[in-house]
Amino acid sequence: MAPRTFSVATSVQDPLTAERLVEVLQEAQLDAFSRAGGAASSAAFASASPAYWDILVPSEGFEQALGLINTELQEIERDGEANAKAAEEEAMSAENLSGENQTPES
């Protein structure tokens, strides 16, 4: 078997997003994996660089992977916006309920 070359298709800031992207790529029959980076310092007193996760894919499937990654990242962003809106609505309804349960003072 000939050696394969992998390329970094994208980098993300959290491990759950990295895991989700890898799953999407593997479902599309691409051999993808993530690799953690950052969160370390080369000098004893220097600040640590932020953590990130590279998503690696075979070079021959790079273009396909980019399309899938972009689609999934857009879906993640839509999910985040929907979740934020739902949380805001939940907070508003909780405030309304707590206001209705209070008895007026005489």
C-alpha atoms as a PDB file:
ATOM      1  CA  MET A   1       0.000   0.000   0.000  1.00  0.00           C
ATOM      2  CA  ALA A   2       1.379   3.395  -0.996  1.00  0.00           C
ATOM      3  CA  PRO A   3       1.751   6.075   1.674  1.00  0.00           C
ATOM      4  CA  ARG A   4      -0.972   8.716   1.717  1.00  0.00           C
ATOM      5  CA  THR A   5      -0.606  12.430   2.175  1.00  0.00           C
ATOM      6  CA  PHE A   6      -2.969  14.256   4.507  1.00  0.00           C
ATOM      7  CA  SER A   7      -3.656  17.987   4.506  1.00  0.00           C
ATOM      8  CA  VAL A   8      -5.172  20.305   7.084  1.00  0.00           C
ATOM      9  CA  ALA A   9      -8.643  21.165   5.787  1.00  0.00           C
ATOM     10  CA  THR A  10      -9.521  23.509   8.664  1.00  0.00           C
ATOM     11  CA  SER A  11      -8.790  24.310  12.293  1.00  0.00           C
ATOM     12  CA  VAL A  12     -11.419  24.792  14.987  1.00  0.00           C
ATOM     13  CA  GLN A  13     -11.327  26.092  18.545  1.00  0.00           C
ATOM     14  CA  ASP A  14     -13.134  23.322  20.409  1.00  0.00           C
ATOM     15  CA  PRO A  15     -12.919  19.533  20.514  1.00  0.00           C
ATOM     16  CA  LEU A  16     -16.671  18.941  20.107  1.00  0.00           C
ATOM     17  CA  THR A  17     -16.750  20.795  16.788  1.00  0.00           C
ATOM     18  CA  ALA A  18     -13.652  18.873  15.688  1.00  0.00           C
ATOM     19  CA  GLU A  19     -15.329  15.590  16.592  1.00  0.00           C
ATOM     20  CA  ARG A  20     -18.515  16.554  14.723  1.00  0.00           C
ATOM     21  CA  LEU A  21     -16.568  17.515  11.590  1.00  0.00           C
ATOM     22  CA  VAL A  22     -14.572  14.277  11.640  1.00  0.00           C
ATOM     23  CA  GLU A  23     -17.808  12.273  11.934  1.00  0.00           C
ATOM     24  CA  VAL A  24     -19.344  14.091   8.954  1.00  0.00           C
ATOM     25  CA  LEU A  25     -16.241  13.465   6.854  1.00  0.00           C
ATOM     26  CA  GLN A  26     -16.046   9.803   7.840  1.00  0.00           C
ATOM     27  CA  GLU A  27     -19.735   9.334   6.968  1.00  0.00           C
ATOM     28  CA  ALA A  28     -18.784  10.610   3.494  1.00  0.00           C
ATOM     29  CA  GLN A  29     -16.144   7.839   3.343  1.00  0.00           C
ATOM     30  CA  LEU A  30     -13.190  10.195   3.830  1.00  0.00           C
ATOM     31  CA  ASP A  31     -10.403   9.102   6.170  1.00  0.00           C
ATOM     32  CA  ALA A  32     -10.426  12.160   8.424  1.00  0.00           C
ATOM     33  CA  PHE A  33      -9.006  12.715  11.882  1.00  0.00           C
ATOM     34  CA  SER A  34      -8.335  15.609  14.229  1.00  0.00           C
ATOM     35  CA  ARG A  35      -5.089  16.636  15.864  1.00  0.00           C
ATOM     36  CA  ALA A  36      -4.879  18.886  18.911  1.00  0.00           C
ATOM     37  CA  GLY A  37      -2.473  21.796  18.966  1.00  0.00           C
ATOM     38  CA  GLY A  38      -1.665  24.873  21.006  1.00  0.00           C
ATOM     39  CA  ALA A  39      -2.323  25.250  24.732  1.00  0.00           C
ATOM     40  CA  ALA A  40       1.392  25.123  25.456  1.00  0.00           C
ATOM     41  CA  SER A  41       4.305  27.459  25.750  1.00  0.00           C
ATOM     42  CA  SER A  42       7.846  26.920  24.582  1.00  0.00           C
ATOM     43  CA  ALA A  43       9.203  29.255  27.264  1.00  0.00           C
ATOM     44  CA  ALA A  44       8.821  28.701  30.984  1.00  0.00           C
ATOM     45  CA  PHE A  45       7.209  32.079  31.709  1.00  0.00           C
ATOM     46  CA  ALA A  46       5.512  32.837  28.404  1.00  0.00           C
ATOM     47  CA  SER A  47       1.771  32.637  28.022  1.00  0.00           C
ATOM     48  CA  ALA A  48       0.291  29.534  26.475  1.00  0.00           C
ATOM     49  CA  SER A  49      -1.049  29.721  22.948  1.00  0.00           C
ATOM     50  CA  PRO A  50      -4.766  29.005  22.578  1.00  0.00           C
ATOM     51  CA  ALA A  51      -5.804  25.429  21.921  1.00  0.00           C
ATOM     52  CA  TYR A  52      -7.041  24.414  18.478  1.00  0.00           C
ATOM     53  CA  TRP A  53      -7.828  21.221  16.594  1.00  0.00           C
ATOM     54  CA  ASP A  54      -6.715  20.614  13.011  1.00  0.00           C
ATOM     55  CA  ILE A  55      -8.967  18.500  10.819  1.00  0.00           C
ATOM     56  CA  LEU A  56      -6.844  16.422   8.466  1.00  0.00           C
ATOM     57  CA  VAL A  57      -8.096  14.713   5.320  1.00  0.00           C
ATOM     58  CA  PRO A  58      -6.442  12.800   2.491  1.00  0.00           C
ATOM     59  CA  SER A  59      -5.100  15.189  -0.133  1.00  0.00           C
ATOM     60  CA  GLU A  60      -7.084  13.438  -2.862  1.00  0.00           C
ATOM     61  CA  GLY A  61     -10.344  14.194  -1.013  1.00  0.00           C
ATOM     62  CA  PHE A  62      -9.437  17.745   0.008  1.00  0.00           C
ATOM     63  CA  GLU A  63     -11.940  19.604  -2.209  1.00  0.00           C
ATOM     64  CA  GLN A  64     -14.804  17.313  -1.216  1.00  0.00           C
ATOM     65  CA  ALA A  65     -13.864  17.737   2.446  1.00  0.00           C
ATOM     66  CA  LEU A  66     -13.861  21.534   2.194  1.00  0.00           C
ATOM     67  CA  GLY A  67     -17.419  21.519   0.852  1.00  0.00           C
ATOM     68  CA  LEU A  68     -18.629  19.204   3.605  1.00  0.00           C
ATOM     69  CA  ILE A  69     -16.821  21.192   6.302  1.00  0.00           C
ATOM     70  CA  ASN A  70     -18.251  24.527   5.136  1.00  0.00           C
ATOM     71  CA  THR A  71     -21.768  23.091   5.044  1.00  0.00           C
ATOM     72  CA  GLU A  72     -21.424  21.600   8.524  1.00  0.00           C
ATOM     73  CA  LEU A  73     -19.912  24.785  10.010  1.00  0.00           C
ATOM     74  CA  GLN A  74     -22.879  26.751   8.634  1.00  0.00           C
ATOM     75  CA  GLU A  75     -25.219  24.199  10.235  1.00  0.00           C
ATOM     76  CA  ILE A  76     -23.377  24.522  13.553  1.00  0.00           C
ATOM     77  CA  GLU A  77     -23.747  28.306  13.402  1.00  0.00           C
ATOM     78  CA  ARG A  78     -27.479  28.026  12.629  1.00  0.00           C
ATOM     79  CA  ASP A  79     -27.876  25.583  15.531  1.00  0.00           C
ATOM     80  CA  GLY A  80     -26.077  28.015  17.837  1.00  0.00           C
ATOM     81  CA  GLU A  81     -28.307  30.909  16.790  1.00  0.00           C
ATOM     82  CA  ALA A  82     -31.442  28.791  17.241  1.00  0.00           C
ATOM     83  CA  ASN A  83     -30.247  27.614  20.658  1.00  0.00           C
ATOM     84  CA  ALA A  84     -29.486  31.182  21.746  1.00  0.00           C
ATOM     85  CA  LYS A  85     -32.948  32.323  20.641  1.00  0.00           C
ATOM     86  CA  ALA A  86     -34.611  29.399  22.452  1.00  0.00           C
ATOM     87  CA  ALA A  87     -32.646  30.171  25.627  1.00  0.00           C
ATOM     88  CA  GLU A  88     -33.654  33.821  25.416  1.00  0.00           C
ATOM     89  CA  GLU A  89     -37.324  32.878  24.962  1.00  0.00           C
ATOM     90  CA  GLU A  90     -37.070  30.456  27.889  1.00  0.00           C
ATOM     91  CA  ALA A  91     -35.583  33.170  30.093  1.00  0.00           C
ATOM     92  CA  MET A  92     -38.341  35.596  29.074  1.00  0.00           C
ATOM     93  CA  SER A  93     -41.091  33.065  29.844  1.00  0.00           C
ATOM     94  CA  ALA A  94     -39.491  32.259  33.209  1.00  0.00           C
ATOM     95  CA  GLU A  95     -39.463  35.978  34.052  1.00  0.00           C
ATOM     96  CA  ASN A  96     -43.113  36.308  33.029  1.00  0.00           C
ATOM     97  CA  LEU A  97     -44.126  33.291  35.110  1.00  0.00           C
ATOM     98  CA  SER A  98     -42.300  34.519  38.186  1.00  0.00           C
ATOM     99  CA  GLY A  99     -43.956  37.921  37.801  1.00  0.00           C
ATOM    100  CA  GLU A 100     -47.422  36.341  37.531  1.00  0.00           C
ATOM    101  CA  ASN A 101     -46.920  34.192  40.634  1.00  0.00           C
ATOM    102  CA  GLN A 102     -46.181  37.166  42.865  1.00  0.00           C
ATOM    103  CA  THR A 103     -49.086  38.508  44.877  1.00  0.00           C
ATOM    104  CA  PRO A 104     -49.659  42.245  44.825  1.00  0.00           C
ATOM    105  CA  GLU A 105     -48.877  43.944  48.086  1.00  0.00           C
ATOM    106  CA  SER A 106     -51.713  45.844  49.769  1.00  0.00           C
END
